[in-house]
Amino acid sequence: MSWGDTDVVDDQTRAPSMTDGVVMLRPLATNDAPAWLAGEDEEQRRWFEAPRPSQLHDVRRFIAECQTSWRMMGSLRHWGIWSLEPDVLVGGVELRSLESDEVNLSYPVFPGQRRRGFALRAAQLALEYARTSLSAQAVVIKMLAETKPRATSLSPLGLTTSAMHRLTAAPRSTSLS
């Protein structure tokens, strides 16, 4: 895993880009809004309990909120997940600081890109950031009962259905101890 240079958030604030050579995480920019919106589907809305399909102005507002959190060093860290071959937005990953040393991890992967390992790779990068930059010691993933089977895709990270994992050791190539 390598930490990239930084991307500019809202033309003012630097935020980290990260890559493992297959995917890159970088903060979303306003011009990513149409691609993000195109990636939304019914399954994703159900996972995140969205009341209705998003509209472009909703996505732009979300990106602006993410940029503000980066700029203010707020509790939210959100990156777009980019496949490097080809260079395309495939989803997003988010960390939200919770109590003391915990973070909440969430991630949507767009239709057509699911079950290709992007969620696992993005989670590995985001969790390493959480451990090293946010001093996180635990990660929480909240999910609906019917989406729990997809949690098995993160089992190489050592996460269990209890949705809590201590981040006490350095990450190995496919798991956190």
Foldseek 3Di string as FASTA:
>chain_A
DDKDFFDDQPNPFTDIWDDPVFKIWHQDHLVCLVQQLVQDDPVVCVWVVPPDRDDSVRSSVVSVVQSVCRVVVHQKHKTFIAGVVPGGGFWMWMWGDDPDQEIEIDIDGGPPCPPPLSVQRVVVVVVQCSCPPVVHFKYAYDTDPVCLVVCVSNVQQVADSVRIDTQDDDADPRYGD
